[in-house]
Amino acid sequence: MHNMSIFHRDIKAENVLVKENPYDKSKYFLVFTDFGVAKECYDVSLNIHSIVGTAKTGSPEQFGKSKYSLSNSDVYSMGSLLYFMLEKQYPYSTIESDNDELHK
């Protein structure tokens, strides 16, 4: 996705599907969905400041007052998703609200 200059900005369990590999039944693919807040950006060094995504999986800088890297933010969110897959809770599970999506 990043090699196509697309940054998801809202990676979470609800936006990922698991698909079986048709050629090797022992392997699976992750398919990302819901590109509603995705951004196409060809300048990977560009830092932006827009508050979007989901608080429990987004990078801290994504919800702060400073600019942040699109690719670094997606990598952080993917790490949060992997943590969720292992622990059945998000790294910062103190965020209780189901309505914690932030779009601006």
PDB file of N, CA and C in Angstrom:
ATOM      1  N   MET A   1       0.835  -1.172   0.000  1.00  0.00           N
ATOM      2  CA  MET A   1       0.000   0.000   0.000  1.00  0.00           C
ATOM      3  C   MET A   1       0.891   1.251   0.000  1.00  0.00           C
ATOM      4  N   HIS A   2       1.887   1.285   0.864  1.00  0.00           N
ATOM      5  CA  HIS A   2       2.774   2.447   0.905  1.00  0.00           C
ATOM      6  C   HIS A   2       3.599   2.567  -0.368  1.00  0.00           C
ATOM      7  N   ASN A   3       3.967   1.431  -0.971  1.00  0.00           N
ATOM      8  CA  ASN A   3       4.748   1.520  -2.213  1.00  0.00           C
ATOM      9  C   ASN A   3       3.898   2.066  -3.365  1.00  0.00           C
ATOM     10  N   MET A   4       2.577   2.170  -3.159  1.00  0.00           N
ATOM     11  CA  MET A   4       1.678   2.795  -4.131  1.00  0.00           C
ATOM     12  C   MET A   4       1.311   4.216  -3.693  1.00  0.00           C
ATOM     13  N   SER A   5       2.030   4.736  -2.688  1.00  0.00           N
ATOM     14  CA  SER A   5       1.842   6.090  -2.145  1.00  0.00           C
ATOM     15  C   SER A   5       0.475   6.288  -1.503  1.00  0.00           C
ATOM     16  N   ILE A   6      -0.086   5.214  -0.933  1.00  0.00           N
ATOM     17  CA  ILE A   6      -1.369   5.295  -0.233  1.00  0.00           C
ATOM     18  C   ILE A   6      -1.122   5.003   1.239  1.00  0.00           C
ATOM     19  N   PHE A   7      -1.610   5.890   2.090  1.00  0.00           N
ATOM     20  CA  PHE A   7      -1.457   5.762   3.526  1.00  0.00           C
ATOM     21  C   PHE A   7      -2.850   5.632   4.138  1.00  0.00           C
ATOM     22  N   HIS A   8      -3.097   4.549   4.849  1.00  0.00           N
ATOM     23  CA  HIS A   8      -4.434   4.201   5.332  1.00  0.00           C
ATOM     24  C   HIS A   8      -4.924   5.149   6.416  1.00  0.00           C
ATOM     25  N   ARG A   9      -4.150   5.382   7.430  1.00  0.00           N
ATOM     26  CA  ARG A   9      -4.396   6.296   8.554  1.00  0.00           C
ATOM     27  C   ARG A   9      -5.471   5.823   9.533  1.00  0.00           C
ATOM     28  N   ASP A  10      -6.015   4.601   9.365  1.00  0.00           N
ATOM     29  CA  ASP A  10      -6.991   4.077  10.336  1.00  0.00           C
ATOM     30  C   ASP A  10      -6.925   2.547  10.386  1.00  0.00           C
ATOM     31  N   ILE A  11      -5.718   2.013  10.554  1.00  0.00           N
ATOM     32  CA  ILE A  11      -5.543   0.560  10.626  1.00  0.00           C
ATOM     33  C   ILE A  11      -5.998   0.084  11.998  1.00  0.00           C
ATOM     34  N   LYS A  12      -6.962  -0.835  11.999  1.00  0.00           N
ATOM     35  CA  LYS A  12      -7.489  -1.451  13.216  1.00  0.00           C
ATOM     36  C   LYS A  12      -8.161  -2.757  12.825  1.00  0.00           C
ATOM     37  N   ALA A  13      -8.477  -3.585  13.797  1.00  0.00           N
ATOM     38  CA  ALA A  13      -9.038  -4.912  13.528  1.00  0.00           C
ATOM     39  C   ALA A  13     -10.305  -4.834  12.674  1.00  0.00           C
ATOM     40  N   GLU A  14     -11.116  -3.839  12.893  1.00  0.00           N
ATOM     41  CA  GLU A  14     -12.370  -3.703  12.154  1.00  0.00           C
ATOM     42  C   GLU A  14     -12.157  -3.396  10.674  1.00  0.00           C
ATOM     43  N   ASN A  15     -10.944  -2.968  10.308  1.00  0.00           N
ATOM     44  CA  ASN A  15     -10.654  -2.590   8.922  1.00  0.00           C
ATOM     45  C   ASN A  15      -9.727  -3.570   8.218  1.00  0.00           C
ATOM     46  N   VAL A  16      -9.591  -4.784   8.778  1.00  0.00           N
ATOM     47  CA  VAL A  16      -8.712  -5.776   8.185  1.00  0.00           C
ATOM     48  C   VAL A  16      -9.465  -7.102   8.046  1.00  0.00           C
ATOM     49  N   LEU A  17      -9.385  -7.693   6.863  1.00  0.00           N
ATOM     50  CA  LEU A  17      -9.959  -9.010   6.616  1.00  0.00           C
ATOM     51  C   LEU A  17      -8.824 -10.005   6.431  1.00  0.00           C
ATOM     52  N   VAL A  18      -9.042 -11.228   6.847  1.00  0.00           N
ATOM     53  CA  VAL A  18      -8.050 -12.291   6.660  1.00  0.00           C
ATOM     54  C   VAL A  18      -8.562 -13.197   5.551  1.00  0.00           C
ATOM     55  N   LYS A  19      -7.726 -13.396   4.542  1.00  0.00           N
ATOM     56  CA  LYS A  19      -8.119 -14.194   3.376  1.00  0.00           C
ATOM     57  C   LYS A  19      -7.132 -15.338   3.189  1.00  0.00           C
ATOM     58  N   GLU A  20      -7.676 -16.509   2.955  1.00  0.00           N
ATOM     59  CA  GLU A  20      -6.833 -17.677   2.734  1.00  0.00           C
ATOM     60  C   GLU A  20      -6.161 -17.601   1.368  1.00  0.00           C
ATOM     61  N   ASN A  21      -4.894 -17.991   1.313  1.00  0.00           N
ATOM     62  CA  ASN A  21      -4.155 -18.032   0.054  1.00  0.00           C
ATOM     63  C   ASN A  21      -4.698 -19.199  -0.780  1.00  0.00           C
ATOM     64  N   PRO A  22      -5.235 -18.941  -1.972  1.00  0.00           N
ATOM     65  CA  PRO A  22      -5.817 -20.032  -2.765  1.00  0.00           C
ATOM     66  C   PRO A  22      -4.790 -21.047  -3.265  1.00  0.00           C
ATOM     67  N   TYR A  23      -3.522 -20.667  -3.289  1.00  0.00           N
ATOM     68  CA  TYR A  23      -2.478 -21.559  -3.789  1.00  0.00           C
ATOM     69  C   TYR A  23      -1.785 -22.346  -2.681  1.00  0.00           C
ATOM     70  N   ASP A  24      -1.860 -21.827  -1.462  1.00  0.00           N
ATOM     71  CA  ASP A  24      -1.235 -22.492  -0.322  1.00  0.00           C
ATOM     72  C   ASP A  24      -2.160 -22.315   0.878  1.00  0.00           C
ATOM     73  N   LYS A  25      -2.959 -23.326   1.173  1.00  0.00           N
ATOM     74  CA  LYS A  25      -3.991 -23.238   2.216  1.00  0.00           C
ATOM     75  C   LYS A  25      -3.419 -23.020   3.621  1.00  0.00           C
ATOM     76  N   SER A  26      -2.110 -23.141   3.789  1.00  0.00           N
ATOM     77  CA  SER A  26      -1.507 -22.916   5.102  1.00  0.00           C
ATOM     78  C   SER A  26      -1.106 -21.453   5.309  1.00  0.00           C
ATOM     79  N   LYS A  27      -1.331 -20.603   4.301  1.00  0.00           N
ATOM     80  CA  LYS A  27      -0.957 -19.193   4.396  1.00  0.00           C
ATOM     81  C   LYS A  27      -2.178 -18.304   4.190  1.00  0.00           C
ATOM     82  N   TYR A  28      -2.076 -17.099   4.731  1.00  0.00           N
ATOM     83  CA  TYR A  28      -3.187 -16.147   4.671  1.00  0.00           C
ATOM     84  C   TYR A  28      -2.687 -14.775   4.245  1.00  0.00           C
ATOM     85  N   PHE A  29      -3.613 -13.979   3.723  1.00  0.00           N
ATOM     86  CA  PHE A  29      -3.359 -12.586   3.357  1.00  0.00           C
ATOM     87  C   PHE A  29      -4.146 -11.688   4.295  1.00  0.00           C
ATOM     88  N   LEU A  30      -3.626 -10.503   4.562  1.00  0.00           N
ATOM     89  CA  LEU A  30      -4.401  -9.461   5.214  1.00  0.00           C
ATOM     90  C   LEU A  30      -4.888  -8.513   4.134  1.00  0.00           C
ATOM     91  N   VAL A  31      -6.180  -8.223   4.155  1.00  0.00           N
ATOM     92  CA  VAL A  31      -6.778  -7.318   3.182  1.00  0.00           C
ATOM     93  C   VAL A  31      -7.308  -6.110   3.944  1.00  0.00           C
ATOM     94  N   PHE A  32      -6.793  -4.932   3.623  1.00  0.00           N
ATOM     95  CA  PHE A  32      -7.223  -3.713   4.300  1.00  0.00           C
ATOM     96  C   PHE A  32      -8.490  -3.171   3.651  1.00  0.00           C
ATOM     97  N   THR A  33      -9.409  -2.690   4.485  1.00  0.00           N
ATOM     98  CA  THR A  33     -10.671  -2.123   4.017  1.00  0.00           C
ATOM     99  C   THR A  33     -10.838  -0.722   4.600  1.00  0.00           C
ATOM    100  N   ASP A  34     -11.909  -0.065   4.231  1.00  0.00           N
ATOM    101  CA  ASP A  34     -12.280   1.254   4.748  1.00  0.00           C
ATOM    102  C   ASP A  34     -11.171   2.279   4.550  1.00  0.00           C
ATOM    103  N   PHE A  35     -11.065   2.749   3.344  1.00  0.00           N
ATOM    104  CA  PHE A  35     -10.068   3.760   2.990  1.00  0.00           C
ATOM    105  C   PHE A  35     -10.663   5.173   3.056  1.00  0.00           C
ATOM    106  N   GLY A  36     -11.655   5.353   3.928  1.00  0.00           N
ATOM    107  CA  GLY A  36     -12.351   6.632   4.033  1.00  0.00           C
ATOM    108  C   GLY A  36     -11.472   7.808   4.419  1.00  0.00           C
ATOM    109  N   VAL A  37     -10.447   7.579   5.233  1.00  0.00           N
ATOM    110  CA  VAL A  37      -9.555   8.665   5.633  1.00  0.00           C
ATOM    111  C   VAL A  37      -8.150   8.478   5.058  1.00  0.00           C
ATOM    112  N   ALA A  38      -8.015   7.553   4.117  1.00  0.00           N
ATOM    113  CA  ALA A  38      -6.713   7.307   3.490  1.00  0.00           C
ATOM    114  C   ALA A  38      -6.248   8.547   2.742  1.00  0.00           C
ATOM    115  N   LYS A  39      -4.944   8.636   2.562  1.00  0.00           N
ATOM    116  CA  LYS A  39      -4.373   9.789   1.865  1.00  0.00           C
ATOM    117  C   LYS A  39      -3.369   9.295   0.838  1.00  0.00           C
ATOM    118  N   GLU A  40      -3.469   9.840  -0.350  1.00  0.00           N
ATOM    119  CA  GLU A  40      -2.480   9.558  -1.381  1.00  0.00           C
ATOM    120  C   GLU A  40      -1.429  10.652  -1.297  1.00  0.00           C
ATOM    121  N   CYS A  41      -0.175  10.236  -1.179  1.00  0.00           N
ATOM    122  CA  CYS A  41       0.896  11.207  -1.004  1.00  0.00           C
ATOM    123  C   CYS A  41       2.166  10.660  -1.628  1.00  0.00           C
ATOM    124  N   TYR A  42       2.707  11.369  -2.585  1.00  0.00           N
ATOM    125  CA  TYR A  42       3.905  10.914  -3.285  1.00  0.00           C
ATOM    126  C   TYR A  42       5.190  11.387  -2.621  1.00  0.00           C
ATOM    127  N   ASP A  43       5.097  12.342  -1.728  1.00  0.00           N
ATOM    128  CA  ASP A  43       6.268  12.843  -1.009  1.00  0.00           C
ATOM    129  C   ASP A  43       6.297  12.193   0.370  1.00  0.00           C
ATOM    130  N   VAL A  44       7.032  11.084   0.510  1.00  0.00           N
ATOM    131  CA  VAL A  44       7.033  10.340   1.775  1.00  0.00           C
ATOM    132  C   VAL A  44       7.711  11.102   2.906  1.00  0.00           C
ATOM    133  N   SER A  45       8.462  12.140   2.573  1.00  0.00           N
ATOM    134  CA  SER A  45       9.095  12.937   3.621  1.00  0.00           C
ATOM    135  C   SER A  45       8.134  13.994   4.177  1.00  0.00           C
ATOM    136  N   LEU A  46       6.978  14.145   3.554  1.00  0.00           N
ATOM    137  CA  LEU A  46       6.002  15.144   3.975  1.00  0.00           C
ATOM    138  C   LEU A  46       5.431  14.787   5.341  1.00  0.00           C
ATOM    139  N   ASN A  47       5.390  15.740   6.229  1.00  0.00           N
ATOM    140  CA  ASN A  47       4.738  15.575   7.522  1.00  0.00           C
ATOM    141  C   ASN A  47       3.450  16.380   7.498  1.00  0.00           C
ATOM    142  N   ILE A  48       2.378  15.791   8.021  1.00  0.00           N
ATOM    143  CA  ILE A  48       1.094  16.476   7.986  1.00  0.00           C
ATOM    144  C   ILE A  48       0.563  16.663   9.394  1.00  0.00           C
ATOM    145  N   HIS A  49      -0.462  17.469   9.512  1.00  0.00           N
ATOM    146  CA  HIS A  49      -1.123  17.678  10.797  1.00  0.00           C
ATOM    147  C   HIS A  49      -2.624  17.674  10.567  1.00  0.00           C
ATOM    148  N   SER A  50      -3.206  16.492  10.559  1.00  0.00           N
ATOM    149  CA  SER A  50      -4.656  16.370  10.516  1.00  0.00           C
ATOM    150  C   SER A  50      -5.030  15.229  11.448  1.00  0.00           C
ATOM    151  N   ILE A  51      -6.031  15.455  12.263  1.00  0.00           N
ATOM    152  CA  ILE A  51      -6.423  14.470  13.263  1.00  0.00           C
ATOM    153  C   ILE A  51      -7.503  13.571  12.658  1.00  0.00           C
ATOM    154  N   VAL A  52      -7.116  12.343  12.354  1.00  0.00           N
ATOM    155  CA  VAL A  52      -8.039  11.343  11.800  1.00  0.00           C
ATOM    156  C   VAL A  52      -7.686   9.983  12.389  1.00  0.00           C
ATOM    157  N   GLY A  53      -8.594   9.028  12.259  1.00  0.00           N
ATOM    158  CA  GLY A  53      -8.305   7.675  12.691  1.00  0.00           C
ATOM    159  C   GLY A  53      -9.019   7.299  13.968  1.00  0.00           C
ATOM    160  N   THR A  54      -8.474   6.307  14.642  1.00  0.00           N
ATOM    161  CA  THR A  54      -9.060   5.765  15.860  1.00  0.00           C
ATOM    162  C   THR A  54      -8.053   5.908  16.995  1.00  0.00           C
ATOM    163  N   ALA A  55      -8.466   6.491  18.087  1.00  0.00           N
ATOM    164  CA  ALA A  55      -7.557   6.814  19.184  1.00  0.00           C
ATOM    165  C   ALA A  55      -6.850   5.593  19.754  1.00  0.00           C
ATOM    166  N   LYS A  56      -7.532   4.464  19.882  1.00  0.00           N
ATOM    167  CA  LYS A  56      -6.902   3.314  20.533  1.00  0.00           C
ATOM    168  C   LYS A  56      -5.850   2.624  19.676  1.00  0.00           C
ATOM    169  N   THR A  57      -5.791   2.912  18.378  1.00  0.00           N
ATOM    170  CA  THR A  57      -4.778   2.285  17.526  1.00  0.00           C
ATOM    171  C   THR A  57      -3.853   3.290  16.856  1.00  0.00           C
ATOM    172  N   GLY A  58      -4.189   4.551  16.902  1.00  0.00           N
ATOM    173  CA  GLY A  58      -3.387   5.569  16.232  1.00  0.00           C
ATOM    174  C   GLY A  58      -2.124   5.905  16.994  1.00  0.00           C
ATOM    175  N   SER A  59      -1.150   6.427  16.280  1.00  0.00           N
ATOM    176  CA  SER A  59       0.105   6.820  16.920  1.00  0.00           C
ATOM    177  C   SER A  59      -0.126   8.056  17.788  1.00  0.00           C
ATOM    178  N   PRO A  60       0.637   8.192  18.875  1.00  0.00           N
ATOM    179  CA  PRO A  60       0.455   9.348  19.763  1.00  0.00           C
ATOM    180  C   PRO A  60       0.589  10.686  19.041  1.00  0.00           C
ATOM    181  N   GLU A  61       1.564  10.774  18.130  1.00  0.00           N
ATOM    182  CA  GLU A  61       1.754  12.040  17.428  1.00  0.00           C
ATOM    183  C   GLU A  61       0.593  12.355  16.481  1.00  0.00           C
ATOM    184  N   GLN A  62      -0.149  11.345  16.074  1.00  0.00           N
ATOM    185  CA  GLN A  62      -1.291  11.549  15.186  1.00  0.00           C
ATOM    186  C   GLN A  62      -2.387  12.363  15.869  1.00  0.00           C
ATOM    187  N   PHE A  63      -2.442  12.317  17.195  1.00  0.00           N
ATOM    188  CA  PHE A  63      -3.483  13.025  17.935  1.00  0.00           C
ATOM    189  C   PHE A  63      -2.933  14.183  18.742  1.00  0.00           C
ATOM    190  N   GLY A  64      -1.680  14.517  18.485  1.00  0.00           N
ATOM    191  CA  GLY A  64      -1.056  15.646  19.161  1.00  0.00           C
ATOM    192  C   GLY A  64      -1.159  16.914  18.330  1.00  0.00           C
ATOM    193  N   LYS A  65      -0.406  17.901  18.730  1.00  0.00           N
ATOM    194  CA  LYS A  65      -0.449  19.199  18.051  1.00  0.00           C
ATOM    195  C   LYS A  65       0.639  19.363  17.006  1.00  0.00           C
ATOM    196  N   SER A  66       1.551  18.388  16.926  1.00  0.00           N
ATOM    197  CA  SER A  66       2.651  18.526  15.983  1.00  0.00           C
ATOM    198  C   SER A  66       2.387  17.744  14.701  1.00  0.00           C
ATOM    199  N   LYS A  67       3.187  18.009  13.701  1.00  0.00           N
ATOM    200  CA  LYS A  67       3.073  17.284  12.444  1.00  0.00           C
ATOM    201  C   LYS A  67       3.615  15.873  12.622  1.00  0.00           C
ATOM    202  N   TYR A  68       3.150  14.942  11.783  1.00  0.00           N
ATOM    203  CA  TYR A  68       3.593  13.558  11.887  1.00  0.00           C
ATOM    204  C   TYR A  68       3.780  12.943  10.510  1.00  0.00           C
ATOM    205  N   SER A  69       4.539  11.861  10.479  1.00  0.00           N
ATOM    206  CA  SER A  69       4.823  11.143   9.249  1.00  0.00           C
ATOM    207  C   SER A  69       3.694  10.159   8.954  1.00  0.00           C
ATOM    208  N   LEU A  70       3.185  10.170   7.737  1.00  0.00           N
ATOM    209  CA  LEU A  70       2.116   9.245   7.352  1.00  0.00           C
ATOM    210  C   LEU A  70       2.557   7.794   7.465  1.00  0.00           C
ATOM    211  N   SER A  71       3.736   7.475   6.952  1.00  0.00           N
ATOM    212  CA  SER A  71       4.186   6.084   6.965  1.00  0.00           C
ATOM    213  C   SER A  71       4.468   5.611   8.390  1.00  0.00           C
ATOM    214  N   ASN A  72       5.108   6.436   9.207  1.00  0.00           N
ATOM    215  CA  ASN A  72       5.387   6.045  10.590  1.00  0.00           C
ATOM    216  C   ASN A  72       4.093   5.813  11.364  1.00  0.00           C
ATOM    217  N   SER A  73       3.096   6.608  11.104  1.00  0.00           N
ATOM    218  CA  SER A  73       1.824   6.471  11.789  1.00  0.00           C
ATOM    219  C   SER A  73       1.144   5.149  11.431  1.00  0.00           C
ATOM    220  N   ASP A  74       1.166   4.770  10.161  1.00  0.00           N
ATOM    221  CA  ASP A  74       0.593   3.483   9.745  1.00  0.00           C
ATOM    222  C   ASP A  74       1.367   2.309  10.346  1.00  0.00           C
ATOM    223  N   VAL A  75       2.682   2.433  10.425  1.00  0.00           N
ATOM    224  CA  VAL A  75       3.497   1.365  11.014  1.00  0.00           C
ATOM    225  C   VAL A  75       3.135   1.203  12.495  1.00  0.00           C
ATOM    226  N   TYR A  76       2.977   2.310  13.212  1.00  0.00           N
ATOM    227  CA  TYR A  76       2.576   2.253  14.619  1.00  0.00           C
ATOM    228  C   TYR A  76       1.216   1.567  14.751  1.00  0.00           C
ATOM    229  N   SER A  77       0.263   1.940  13.899  1.00  0.00           N
ATOM    230  CA  SER A  77      -1.071   1.342  13.947  1.00  0.00           C
ATOM    231  C   SER A  77      -1.028  -0.146  13.654  1.00  0.00           C
ATOM    232  N   MET A  78      -0.163  -0.561  12.740  1.00  0.00           N
ATOM    233  CA  MET A  78      -0.011  -1.988  12.441  1.00  0.00           C
ATOM    234  C   MET A  78       0.547  -2.718  13.663  1.00  0.00           C
ATOM    235  N   GLY A  79       1.469  -2.100  14.365  1.00  0.00           N
ATOM    236  CA  GLY A  79       1.984  -2.680  15.607  1.00  0.00           C
ATOM    237  C   GLY A  79       0.890  -2.824  16.656  1.00  0.00           C
ATOM    238  N   SER A  80       0.015  -1.818  16.758  1.00  0.00           N
ATOM    239  CA  SER A  80      -1.125  -1.901  17.673  1.00  0.00           C
ATOM    240  C   SER A  80      -2.051  -3.046  17.289  1.00  0.00           C
ATOM    241  N   LEU A  81      -2.249  -3.233  15.988  1.00  0.00           N
ATOM    242  CA  LEU A  81      -3.098  -4.331  15.506  1.00  0.00           C
ATOM    243  C   LEU A  81      -2.470  -5.684  15.845  1.00  0.00           C
ATOM    244  N   LEU A  82      -1.168  -5.822  15.635  1.00  0.00           N
ATOM    245  CA  LEU A  82      -0.489  -7.075  15.972  1.00  0.00           C
ATOM    246  C   LEU A  82      -0.582  -7.365  17.470  1.00  0.00           C
ATOM    247  N   TYR A  83      -0.429  -6.339  18.284  1.00  0.00           N
ATOM    248  CA  TYR A  83      -0.582  -6.487  19.726  1.00  0.00           C
ATOM    249  C   TYR A  83      -1.992  -6.981  20.059  1.00  0.00           C
ATOM    250  N   PHE A  84      -2.994  -6.389  19.413  1.00  0.00           N
ATOM    251  CA  PHE A  84      -4.382  -6.794  19.621  1.00  0.00           C
ATOM    252  C   PHE A  84      -4.597  -8.261  19.241  1.00  0.00           C
ATOM    253  N   MET A  85      -3.974  -8.691  18.163  1.00  0.00           N
ATOM    254  CA  MET A  85      -4.123 -10.078  17.717  1.00  0.00           C
ATOM    255  C   MET A  85      -3.520 -11.050  18.735  1.00  0.00           C
ATOM    256  N   LEU A  86      -2.463 -10.644  19.415  1.00  0.00           N
ATOM    257  CA  LEU A  86      -1.813 -11.505  20.407  1.00  0.00           C
ATOM    258  C   LEU A  86      -2.473 -11.448  21.785  1.00  0.00           C
ATOM    259  N   GLU A  87      -2.871 -10.264  22.206  1.00  0.00           N
ATOM    260  CA  GLU A  87      -3.344 -10.053  23.578  1.00  0.00           C
ATOM    261  C   GLU A  87      -4.856  -9.882  23.713  1.00  0.00           C
ATOM    262  N   LYS A  88      -5.562  -9.763  22.596  1.00  0.00           N
ATOM    263  CA  LYS A  88      -7.021  -9.546  22.582  1.00  0.00           C
ATOM    264  C   LYS A  88      -7.425  -8.242  23.265  1.00  0.00           C
ATOM    265  N   GLN A  89      -6.523  -7.308  23.265  1.00  0.00           N
ATOM    266  CA  GLN A  89      -6.796  -5.942  23.718  1.00  0.00           C
ATOM    267  C   GLN A  89      -5.760  -5.032  23.075  1.00  0.00           C
ATOM    268  N   TYR A  90      -6.084  -3.769  22.959  1.00  0.00           N
ATOM    269  CA  TYR A  90      -5.156  -2.822  22.368  1.00  0.00           C
ATOM    270  C   TYR A  90      -4.123  -2.400  23.408  1.00  0.00           C
ATOM    271  N   PRO A  91      -2.951  -1.938  22.970  1.00  0.00           N
ATOM    272  CA  PRO A  91      -1.882  -1.583  23.919  1.00  0.00           C
ATOM    273  C   PRO A  91      -2.325  -0.592  24.990  1.00  0.00           C
ATOM    274  N   TYR A  92      -3.139   0.359  24.616  1.00  0.00           N
ATOM    275  CA  TYR A  92      -3.619   1.353  25.562  1.00  0.00           C
ATOM    276  C   TYR A  92      -5.113   1.161  25.721  1.00  0.00           C
ATOM    277  N   SER A  93      -5.482   0.102  26.406  1.00  0.00           N
ATOM    278  CA  SER A  93      -6.893  -0.272  26.506  1.00  0.00           C
ATOM    279  C   SER A  93      -7.651   0.580  27.512  1.00  0.00           C
ATOM    280  N   THR A  94      -7.040   1.637  28.033  1.00  0.00           N
ATOM    281  CA  THR A  94      -7.756   2.529  28.939  1.00  0.00           C
ATOM    282  C   THR A  94      -8.756   3.396  28.188  1.00  0.00           C
ATOM    283  N   ILE A  95      -8.643   3.415  26.865  1.00  0.00           N
ATOM    284  CA  ILE A  95      -9.616   4.150  26.052  1.00  0.00           C
ATOM    285  C   ILE A  95     -10.848   3.272  25.958  1.00  0.00           C
ATOM    286  N   GLU A  96     -11.909   3.649  26.643  1.00  0.00           N
ATOM    287  CA  GLU A  96     -13.085   2.804  26.801  1.00  0.00           C
ATOM    288  C   GLU A  96     -14.118   2.973  25.692  1.00  0.00           C
ATOM    289  N   SER A  97     -14.210   4.128  25.123  1.00  0.00           N
ATOM    290  CA  SER A  97     -15.300   4.444  24.216  1.00  0.00           C
ATOM    291  C   SER A  97     -15.255   3.627  22.929  1.00  0.00           C
ATOM    292  N   ASP A  98     -16.407   3.115  22.516  1.00  0.00           N
ATOM    293  CA  ASP A  98     -16.516   2.473  21.224  1.00  0.00           C
ATOM    294  C   ASP A  98     -16.563   3.524  20.120  1.00  0.00           C
ATOM    295  N   ASN A  99     -16.875   4.740  20.505  1.00  0.00           N
ATOM    296  CA  ASN A  99     -16.995   5.830  19.540  1.00  0.00           C
ATOM    297  C   ASN A  99     -15.769   6.723  19.643  1.00  0.00           C
ATOM    298  N   ASP A 100     -14.594   6.128  19.502  1.00  0.00           N
ATOM    299  CA  ASP A 100     -13.360   6.889  19.674  1.00  0.00           C
ATOM    300  C   ASP A 100     -12.729   7.273  18.345  1.00  0.00           C
ATOM    301  N   GLU A 101     -13.489   7.212  17.283  1.00  0.00           N
ATOM    302  CA  GLU A 101     -12.955   7.596  15.989  1.00  0.00           C
ATOM    303  C   GLU A 101     -12.929   9.109  15.875  1.00  0.00           C
ATOM    304  N   LEU A 102     -11.823   9.594  15.371  1.00  0.00           N
ATOM    305  CA  LEU A 102     -11.632  11.030  15.239  1.00  0.00           C
ATOM    306  C   LEU A 102     -11.414  11.363  13.774  1.00  0.00           C
ATOM    307  N   HIS A 103     -12.288  12.141  13.209  1.00  0.00           N
ATOM    308  CA  HIS A 103     -12.157  12.564  11.811  1.00  0.00           C
ATOM    309  C   HIS A 103     -12.278  14.067  11.773  1.00  0.00           C
ATOM    310  N   LYS A 104     -11.347  14.684  11.098  1.00  0.00           N
ATOM    311  CA  LYS A 104     -11.378  16.149  11.015  1.00  0.00           C
ATOM    312  C   LYS A 104     -10.955  16.568   9.638  1.00  0.00           C
TER     313      LYS A 104
END
